[in-house]
N, C-alpha and C. Protein backbone atom coordinates (compact mmCIF):
# COMPACT_ATOMS: atom_id res chain seq x y z
N MET A 1 -14.34 -7.81 79.10
CA MET A 1 -15.04 -6.91 78.42
C MET A 1 -15.52 -6.09 79.22
N THR A 2 -15.06 -4.49 79.32
CA THR A 2 -15.89 -3.44 80.10
C THR A 2 -17.64 -3.18 79.76
N ARG A 3 -18.39 -2.86 80.71
CA ARG A 3 -19.37 -2.46 80.32
C ARG A 3 -19.58 -1.43 79.14
N ARG A 4 -18.57 -0.25 79.44
CA ARG A 4 -18.92 0.47 78.53
C ARG A 4 -18.44 -0.23 77.04
N VAL A 5 -17.16 -0.86 76.82
CA VAL A 5 -16.89 -1.41 75.60
C VAL A 5 -18.36 -2.00 74.81
N ALA A 6 -19.09 -3.15 75.86
CA ALA A 6 -19.94 -3.64 75.23
C ALA A 6 -21.27 -2.90 75.05
N SER A 7 -21.77 -1.64 75.44
CA SER A 7 -22.48 -1.06 74.88
C SER A 7 -22.05 -0.51 74.39
N TRP A 8 -21.11 0.13 73.81
CA TRP A 8 -20.33 0.48 72.20
C TRP A 8 -20.68 -0.10 71.28
N LEU A 9 -20.50 -1.63 71.62
CA LEU A 9 -20.59 -2.43 70.34
C LEU A 9 -22.06 -2.71 70.44
N ALA A 10 -22.52 -2.66 71.20
CA ALA A 10 -24.33 -2.75 71.16
C ALA A 10 -24.87 -1.93 70.09
N VAL A 11 -24.59 -0.47 70.66
CA VAL A 11 -25.15 0.34 69.74
C VAL A 11 -24.51 0.22 68.20
N ALA A 12 -23.13 -0.03 67.92
CA ALA A 12 -22.84 -0.28 67.07
C ALA A 12 -23.51 -1.13 65.75
N MET A 13 -23.41 -2.59 66.72
CA MET A 13 -24.31 -3.29 65.88
C MET A 13 -25.98 -3.18 65.64
N ILE A 14 -26.43 -2.24 66.34
CA ILE A 14 -27.82 -1.89 65.97
C ILE A 14 -27.95 -0.93 64.69
N GLY A 15 -26.68 0.26 64.90
CA GLY A 15 -26.66 0.88 64.01
C GLY A 15 -26.77 -0.06 62.69
N ALA A 16 -25.08 -0.59 62.80
CA ALA A 16 -24.93 -1.16 61.48
C ALA A 16 -26.46 -2.12 60.63
N ALA A 17 -27.06 -2.81 61.98
CA ALA A 17 -28.55 -3.88 61.31
C ALA A 17 -29.41 -2.41 60.80
N ALA A 18 -29.53 -1.60 61.02
CA ALA A 18 -30.05 -0.10 60.66
C ALA A 18 -30.11 -0.11 59.16
N PHE A 19 -28.80 0.27 59.06
CA PHE A 19 -28.32 0.76 57.70
C PHE A 19 -28.35 -0.30 56.60
N VAL A 20 -28.04 -1.90 57.11
CA VAL A 20 -27.96 -2.72 56.33
C VAL A 20 -29.55 -2.90 56.01
N TYR A 21 -30.34 -3.36 56.79
CA TYR A 21 -32.42 -2.97 56.71
C TYR A 21 -32.76 -1.90 56.09
N GLY A 22 -31.91 -0.85 55.79
CA GLY A 22 -32.20 0.23 55.12
C GLY A 22 -32.19 0.27 53.71
N ALA A 23 -30.59 -0.80 53.41
CA ALA A 23 -29.61 -0.33 52.34
C ALA A 23 -30.17 -1.90 51.06
N VAL A 24 -30.91 -2.92 52.14
CA VAL A 24 -31.50 -3.85 51.02
C VAL A 24 -32.11 -3.23 49.90
N ASP A 25 -31.81 -4.08 49.06
CA ASP A 25 -32.64 -3.56 47.33
C ASP A 25 -33.77 -5.15 47.18
N GLU A 26 -34.46 -5.17 47.35
CA GLU A 26 -35.61 -6.41 46.86
C GLU A 26 -34.94 -6.71 45.54
N GLY A 27 -34.16 -5.91 44.56
CA GLY A 27 -33.74 -6.06 43.57
C GLY A 27 -34.74 -6.29 42.27
N GLU A 28 -34.36 -6.59 40.96
CA GLU A 28 -35.30 -6.02 40.26
C GLU A 28 -36.60 -6.73 40.07
N PRO A 29 -37.69 -6.63 39.89
CA PRO A 29 -39.05 -7.36 39.95
C PRO A 29 -38.76 -8.72 38.91
N ARG A 30 -39.49 -9.97 39.45
CA ARG A 30 -39.27 -11.28 39.00
C ARG A 30 -40.13 -11.89 37.54
N THR A 31 -41.56 -10.70 37.75
CA THR A 31 -42.02 -11.14 36.98
C THR A 31 -42.46 -9.93 36.23
N ASP A 32 -43.22 -10.10 34.65
CA ASP A 32 -43.79 -8.68 33.96
C ASP A 32 -45.16 -8.20 34.78
N SER A 33 -45.55 -9.24 35.42
CA SER A 33 -46.73 -8.34 36.80
C SER A 33 -45.89 -7.58 37.49
N ASP A 34 -44.92 -8.01 38.22
CA ASP A 34 -43.95 -7.36 39.06
C ASP A 34 -43.36 -6.05 38.45
N ARG A 35 -43.01 -5.76 37.46
CA ARG A 35 -42.42 -5.09 36.90
C ARG A 35 -43.46 -3.92 36.77
N ALA A 36 -44.54 -4.50 35.88
CA ALA A 36 -45.78 -3.35 35.77
C ALA A 36 -46.03 -2.81 37.05
N TYR A 37 -46.30 -3.52 38.00
CA TYR A 37 -46.75 -2.91 39.39
C TYR A 37 -45.84 -2.01 39.75
N ALA A 38 -44.11 -2.47 39.90
CA ALA A 38 -43.15 -1.55 40.13
C ALA A 38 -43.39 -0.24 39.30
N ILE A 39 -43.23 0.01 38.12
CA ILE A 39 -43.25 0.85 37.64
C ILE A 39 -44.80 1.86 37.96
N SER A 40 -45.90 1.23 37.69
CA SER A 40 -46.97 1.97 37.82
C SER A 40 -47.19 2.45 39.64
N ASN A 41 -46.40 1.95 40.03
CA ASN A 41 -46.51 2.73 41.69
C ASN A 41 -45.89 3.52 41.79
N THR A 42 -44.91 4.11 40.80
CA THR A 42 -43.97 5.27 40.78
C THR A 42 -44.32 6.20 39.70
N ILE A 43 -45.84 6.36 39.19
CA ILE A 43 -46.41 7.01 37.95
C ILE A 43 -47.45 7.31 38.96
N GLY A 44 -47.27 8.70 38.70
CA GLY A 44 -48.25 9.45 39.50
C GLY A 44 -50.02 9.65 38.54
N CYS A 45 -51.05 9.75 38.93
CA CYS A 45 -52.12 10.03 37.87
C CYS A 45 -51.89 11.20 37.37
N PRO A 46 -52.67 11.48 36.28
CA PRO A 46 -52.86 13.11 35.87
C PRO A 46 -53.48 13.88 36.00
N VAL A 47 -54.82 13.30 36.55
CA VAL A 47 -56.07 13.52 37.33
C VAL A 47 -56.00 14.02 38.93
N CYS A 48 -55.29 12.95 39.41
CA CYS A 48 -56.01 12.81 40.72
C CYS A 48 -54.52 13.08 41.73
N GLN A 49 -54.94 13.96 42.78
CA GLN A 49 -54.09 14.78 43.39
C GLN A 49 -53.26 13.77 44.59
N GLY A 50 -51.71 13.42 44.06
CA GLY A 50 -51.20 12.48 44.77
C GLY A 50 -51.40 11.03 44.95
N GLN A 51 -52.09 10.60 43.85
CA GLN A 51 -52.05 9.42 43.78
C GLN A 51 -51.44 8.55 42.59
N SER A 52 -50.63 7.51 43.10
CA SER A 52 -50.15 6.77 41.63
C SER A 52 -51.41 6.17 41.04
N VAL A 53 -50.84 5.34 40.17
CA VAL A 53 -52.10 4.88 39.10
C VAL A 53 -51.96 3.66 39.41
N VAL A 54 -51.36 3.05 40.32
CA VAL A 54 -51.88 1.82 41.30
C VAL A 54 -53.08 2.05 42.22
N GLU A 55 -52.94 3.12 42.89
CA GLU A 55 -54.41 3.51 43.48
C GLU A 55 -55.26 3.98 43.30
N SER A 56 -55.11 4.55 42.03
CA SER A 56 -56.48 5.28 41.00
C SER A 56 -57.18 4.71 40.46
N ASN A 57 -58.35 4.69 40.32
CA ASN A 57 -59.68 4.06 39.59
C ASN A 57 -59.90 5.07 38.66
N ALA A 58 -59.71 6.10 38.31
CA ALA A 58 -59.60 7.04 37.66
C ALA A 58 -59.34 6.53 35.89
N PRO A 59 -60.39 6.22 34.93
CA PRO A 59 -60.01 6.03 33.98
C PRO A 59 -58.51 6.22 32.81
N ILE A 60 -58.38 6.74 33.08
CA ILE A 60 -57.11 7.77 32.67
C ILE A 60 -55.68 6.60 33.36
N ALA A 61 -56.21 6.36 34.93
CA ALA A 61 -55.52 5.52 35.18
C ALA A 61 -55.16 3.98 35.04
N LYS A 62 -56.20 3.76 34.73
CA LYS A 62 -56.14 2.11 33.77
C LYS A 62 -55.80 2.69 32.77
N SER A 63 -55.85 3.62 32.06
CA SER A 63 -55.20 3.48 30.50
C SER A 63 -53.77 3.34 30.54
N ILE A 64 -53.15 3.97 31.88
CA ILE A 64 -51.48 3.87 31.66
C ILE A 64 -51.45 2.49 32.52
N ARG A 65 -52.13 2.24 33.12
CA ARG A 65 -51.91 0.64 33.62
C ARG A 65 -51.43 -0.16 32.24
N GLU A 66 -52.80 -0.20 31.34
CA GLU A 66 -52.31 -0.69 30.35
C GLU A 66 -51.34 -0.48 29.24
N THR A 67 -51.29 0.25 29.06
CA THR A 67 -50.32 1.28 28.55
C THR A 67 -49.13 1.05 28.57
N ILE A 68 -48.48 0.64 30.11
CA ILE A 68 -47.45 -0.53 31.04
C ILE A 68 -46.94 -1.62 30.70
N ALA A 69 -48.67 -2.29 30.72
CA ALA A 69 -48.19 -3.70 30.47
C ALA A 69 -48.04 -3.57 28.99
N LEU A 70 -48.92 -2.75 27.85
CA LEU A 70 -48.57 -2.92 26.47
C LEU A 70 -46.88 -3.34 26.17
N ARG A 71 -46.63 -2.32 26.68
CA ARG A 71 -45.30 -1.75 26.75
C ARG A 71 -44.00 -2.58 26.99
N ILE A 72 -44.37 -3.07 28.05
CA ILE A 72 -43.78 -4.37 28.90
C ILE A 72 -43.78 -5.86 27.86
N ASP A 73 -44.86 -5.94 27.62
CA ASP A 73 -44.93 -7.12 26.51
C ASP A 73 -44.05 -6.94 25.52
N ALA A 74 -43.70 -5.80 24.86
CA ALA A 74 -43.41 -5.20 23.53
C ALA A 74 -41.98 -5.35 23.86
N GLY A 75 -41.55 -5.58 25.27
CA GLY A 75 -39.71 -5.54 25.26
C GLY A 75 -39.40 -4.32 25.37
N TRP A 76 -40.31 -3.04 25.75
CA TRP A 76 -39.65 -2.10 26.46
C TRP A 76 -38.67 -2.12 27.83
N THR A 77 -37.82 -0.90 27.83
CA THR A 77 -37.26 -1.17 28.74
C THR A 77 -37.98 -0.16 30.33
N ASP A 78 -37.68 -0.32 31.40
CA ASP A 78 -38.58 0.46 32.28
C ASP A 78 -38.00 2.12 32.18
N ALA A 79 -36.75 2.39 31.40
CA ALA A 79 -36.50 4.03 31.24
C ALA A 79 -37.00 4.13 29.93
N GLN A 80 -37.52 3.45 29.00
CA GLN A 80 -38.46 3.55 28.03
C GLN A 80 -39.38 4.21 28.28
N ILE A 81 -40.34 3.57 28.73
CA ILE A 81 -41.75 3.79 29.53
C ILE A 81 -41.97 4.75 29.94
N ARG A 82 -40.98 5.23 30.84
CA ARG A 82 -41.23 6.28 31.69
C ARG A 82 -41.06 7.41 30.72
N ALA A 83 -40.23 7.46 30.06
CA ALA A 83 -39.92 8.75 28.85
C ALA A 83 -41.28 8.97 28.17
N GLU A 84 -42.08 7.90 27.84
CA GLU A 84 -42.68 7.98 27.07
C GLU A 84 -43.85 8.68 27.93
N LEU A 85 -44.34 8.38 29.15
CA LEU A 85 -45.25 8.68 30.02
C LEU A 85 -44.84 10.12 30.41
N ARG A 86 -43.68 10.40 30.68
CA ARG A 86 -43.31 11.78 30.82
C ARG A 86 -43.83 12.93 30.00
N ASP A 87 -43.72 12.56 28.57
CA ASP A 87 -43.74 13.24 27.21
C ASP A 87 -45.28 13.19 26.60
N SER A 88 -45.93 12.43 27.67
CA SER A 88 -47.36 12.18 27.18
C SER A 88 -47.86 13.15 28.17
N TYR A 89 -47.55 12.94 29.06
CA TYR A 89 -48.31 13.60 30.58
C TYR A 89 -47.61 14.21 31.39
N GLY A 90 -46.37 14.46 31.19
CA GLY A 90 -45.70 15.86 32.05
C GLY A 90 -44.08 15.14 32.83
N GLU A 91 -43.88 16.22 33.30
CA GLU A 91 -42.50 15.40 34.07
C GLU A 91 -42.99 15.28 35.38
N ASP A 92 -44.10 15.88 35.54
CA ASP A 92 -45.13 15.61 37.24
C ASP A 92 -45.39 14.40 37.70
N VAL A 93 -45.41 13.14 36.48
CA VAL A 93 -46.22 12.37 36.65
C VAL A 93 -44.92 10.80 37.36
N ASP A 94 -44.02 11.49 36.83
CA ASP A 94 -42.94 10.44 37.49
C ASP A 94 -42.87 10.61 39.03
N TYR A 95 -42.85 10.06 39.75
CA TYR A 95 -42.71 9.74 41.44
C TYR A 95 -41.46 9.39 41.44
N THR A 96 -40.52 8.96 40.35
CA THR A 96 -39.05 8.07 40.84
C THR A 96 -37.90 9.98 40.80
N PRO A 97 -37.67 9.89 42.33
CA PRO A 97 -36.91 10.93 42.77
C PRO A 97 -35.28 10.43 42.00
N SER A 98 -34.65 12.18 41.61
CA SER A 98 -33.88 12.20 40.69
C SER A 98 -32.43 12.17 41.58
N SER A 99 -31.37 11.91 41.17
CA SER A 99 -29.88 11.72 41.93
C SER A 99 -29.12 12.59 41.52
N GLU A 100 -29.74 13.47 41.03
CA GLU A 100 -28.87 14.73 39.87
C GLU A 100 -29.07 16.17 40.92
N GLY A 101 -28.18 17.31 40.88
CA GLY A 101 -28.27 18.42 41.30
C GLY A 101 -28.64 18.61 42.83
N ILE A 102 -29.55 19.45 42.98
CA ILE A 102 -29.60 19.75 44.72
C ILE A 102 -30.52 18.53 45.44
N THR A 103 -31.25 17.70 44.40
CA THR A 103 -32.10 16.75 44.69
C THR A 103 -31.29 15.71 45.51
N ILE A 104 -29.84 16.06 45.32
CA ILE A 104 -29.16 14.53 45.57
C ILE A 104 -28.89 14.59 47.29
N LEU A 105 -29.18 16.23 47.74
CA LEU A 105 -28.73 16.50 49.10
C LEU A 105 -30.09 15.61 49.83
N VAL A 106 -31.21 15.85 49.32
CA VAL A 106 -32.06 14.85 50.45
C VAL A 106 -31.74 13.60 50.61
N TRP A 107 -30.81 12.46 49.46
CA TRP A 107 -30.03 11.54 49.49
C TRP A 107 -29.07 11.37 51.05
N ILE A 108 -28.20 12.73 50.65
CA ILE A 108 -26.60 12.65 51.43
C ILE A 108 -27.48 13.26 52.74
N LEU A 109 -27.57 14.17 52.91
CA LEU A 109 -28.20 14.95 54.18
C LEU A 109 -28.35 14.07 55.54
N PRO A 110 -29.13 13.29 55.72
CA PRO A 110 -29.46 12.53 56.53
C PRO A 110 -28.18 11.50 56.81
N VAL A 111 -27.39 11.27 55.87
CA VAL A 111 -26.24 10.25 56.22
C VAL A 111 -25.18 11.32 57.09
N VAL A 112 -25.08 12.48 56.75
CA VAL A 112 -24.20 13.81 57.41
C VAL A 112 -24.79 13.72 58.47
N ALA A 113 -25.95 13.83 58.64
CA ALA A 113 -27.03 14.38 60.27
C ALA A 113 -26.33 13.05 60.91
N PHE A 114 -26.59 12.01 60.75
CA PHE A 114 -26.50 10.58 61.22
C PHE A 114 -25.05 10.61 61.69
N ALA A 115 -23.95 11.14 61.04
CA ALA A 115 -22.90 10.83 61.29
C ALA A 115 -22.35 12.30 62.19
N GLY A 116 -22.91 13.52 62.00
CA GLY A 116 -22.45 14.57 62.95
C GLY A 116 -23.06 14.55 64.39
N ALA A 117 -24.29 13.33 64.63
CA ALA A 117 -24.77 13.27 65.77
C ALA A 117 -24.39 12.43 66.58
N VAL A 118 -23.67 11.12 65.65
CA VAL A 118 -22.58 9.88 66.16
C VAL A 118 -21.27 10.47 67.08
N ALA A 119 -21.03 11.57 66.14
CA ALA A 119 -19.85 12.75 66.64
C ALA A 119 -20.13 13.26 67.72
N GLY A 120 -21.31 13.78 67.95
CA GLY A 120 -21.66 14.61 68.69
C GLY A 120 -21.81 13.71 70.16
N LEU A 121 -22.31 12.34 70.09
CA LEU A 121 -22.59 11.59 70.96
C LEU A 121 -21.13 11.00 71.91
N VAL A 122 -20.10 10.99 71.19
CA VAL A 122 -18.56 10.54 71.41
C VAL A 122 -18.10 11.30 72.16
N VAL A 123 -18.24 12.87 71.70
CA VAL A 123 -17.82 13.98 72.22
C VAL A 123 -18.31 14.02 73.98
N VAL A 124 -19.78 14.01 73.62
CA VAL A 124 -20.36 14.41 74.90
C VAL A 124 -20.22 12.97 75.76
N PHE A 125 -20.09 11.58 75.29
CA PHE A 125 -19.70 10.66 76.78
C PHE A 125 -18.41 11.15 76.92
N ARG A 126 -17.46 11.22 76.36
CA ARG A 126 -15.67 11.38 76.79
C ARG A 126 -15.91 12.85 77.92
N LYS A 127 -16.71 13.53 77.62
CA LYS A 127 -16.62 14.51 78.52
C LYS A 127 -16.89 13.54 79.79
N TRP A 128 -18.76 13.37 79.75
CA TRP A 128 -18.79 13.02 80.69
C TRP A 128 -18.21 12.21 81.57
N LYS A 129 -17.35 11.48 80.70
CA LYS A 129 -16.77 10.39 81.71
C LYS A 129 -15.22 11.01 82.34
N ARG A 130 -15.10 12.23 81.78
CA ARG A 130 -13.28 13.20 82.69
C ARG A 130 -14.33 13.96 83.78
N GLU A 131 -15.43 13.86 83.70
CA GLU A 131 -15.86 14.60 84.94
C GLU A 131 -16.80 14.11 86.06
N GLY A 132 -16.75 12.44 85.43
CA GLY A 132 -17.10 11.76 86.23
C GLY A 132 -15.97 11.40 86.89
N ASP A 133 -14.82 11.22 86.87
CA ASP A 133 -13.55 11.03 87.84
C ASP A 133 -12.93 12.03 88.48
N LEU A 134 -13.75 12.92 88.36
CA LEU A 134 -13.23 14.28 89.85
C LEU A 134 -13.61 13.58 91.33
N GLU A 135 -12.86 14.19 91.86
CA GLU A 135 -13.07 13.90 92.96
C GLU A 135 -13.86 14.91 94.33
N ALA A 136 -13.99 14.82 95.40
CA ALA A 136 -14.93 15.63 96.29
C ALA A 136 -13.91 16.20 96.74
N SER A 137 -14.01 17.54 97.04
CA SER A 137 -13.23 18.39 97.85
C SER A 137 -13.49 18.45 98.99
N ALA A 138 -12.85 19.52 99.74
CA ALA A 138 -13.24 18.84 101.62
C ALA A 138 -14.09 19.62 101.93
N ALA A 139 -14.74 20.86 100.96
CA ALA A 139 -16.40 21.47 100.88
C ALA A 139 -17.41 20.53 100.88
N ASP A 140 -17.02 19.66 100.22
CA ASP A 140 -18.17 19.00 100.05
C ASP A 140 -17.98 17.86 100.82
N ARG A 141 -16.82 17.34 101.16
CA ARG A 141 -17.07 16.14 101.84
C ARG A 141 -17.65 16.85 103.65
N LYS A 142 -17.46 18.05 103.88
CA LYS A 142 -17.98 19.03 105.09
C LYS A 142 -19.65 19.04 104.84
N LEU A 143 -19.90 18.91 103.84
CA LEU A 143 -21.32 19.20 103.88
C LEU A 143 -22.18 17.84 103.71
N VAL A 144 -21.52 16.91 103.26
CA VAL A 144 -21.95 15.82 103.65
C VAL A 144 -22.16 14.84 104.88
N GLU A 145 -21.49 15.48 105.78
CA GLU A 145 -20.94 14.97 107.08
C GLU A 145 -22.07 15.93 108.03
N ALA A 146 -22.31 17.36 107.82
CA ALA A 146 -23.39 18.18 108.03
C ALA A 146 -24.28 17.18 108.11
N ALA A 147 -24.93 16.88 107.00
CA ALA A 147 -26.18 16.20 106.46
C ALA A 147 -26.40 15.11 106.96
N ARG A 148 -25.41 13.96 107.29
CA ARG A 148 -25.54 13.10 108.17
C ARG A 148 -25.84 13.38 109.46
N ALA A 149 -25.16 14.43 109.80
CA ALA A 149 -25.39 14.65 111.50
C ALA A 149 -26.67 15.32 111.73
N LEU A 150 -27.29 15.74 110.71
CA LEU A 150 -29.10 15.93 110.74
C LEU A 150 -29.98 15.26 110.92
N ALA A 151 -29.62 14.17 109.81
CA ALA A 151 -30.13 12.99 109.88
C ALA A 151 -30.11 11.75 111.17
N ASP A 152 -29.10 11.88 111.59
CA ASP A 152 -28.87 10.80 112.23
C ASP A 152 -29.52 11.75 113.86
N GLU A 153 -29.48 13.21 113.73
CA GLU A 153 -30.37 14.03 114.95
C GLU A 153 -31.89 13.23 115.07
N ASP A 154 -32.22 13.07 113.73
CA ASP A 154 -33.89 13.13 113.53
C ASP A 154 -34.24 12.02 113.90
């Protein structure tokens, strides 16, 4: 195996490992308290700037956490709980990103940019390889000989 092939394999393995690591989902929460935490972590506090109800100690955040726990105990689905909270406090409280419309670009553009970067690197490496196979001209050889002669005189 040549050094070039080995380096490309290493790059491919690192890229695949990074992709798998980023794509692995922890799955559904195992317990009701895990589920309540997962929902609370993606619901914003209506009175706090940029904090989820998990991070906030505001009375309204405590009330929302209790409401989430009660709804889970009553057998509500995550979608039903989120819909009730959006209806009660507005669309801005749900931090779960949408996968519709123009917001899908947030998910697609990084993948497209990565693929473009890899394609660009392939093109550049091939160009460099072709340029590396060039032979020295007679003028280049004369310059090297002249430089060596000067170095030998010193």
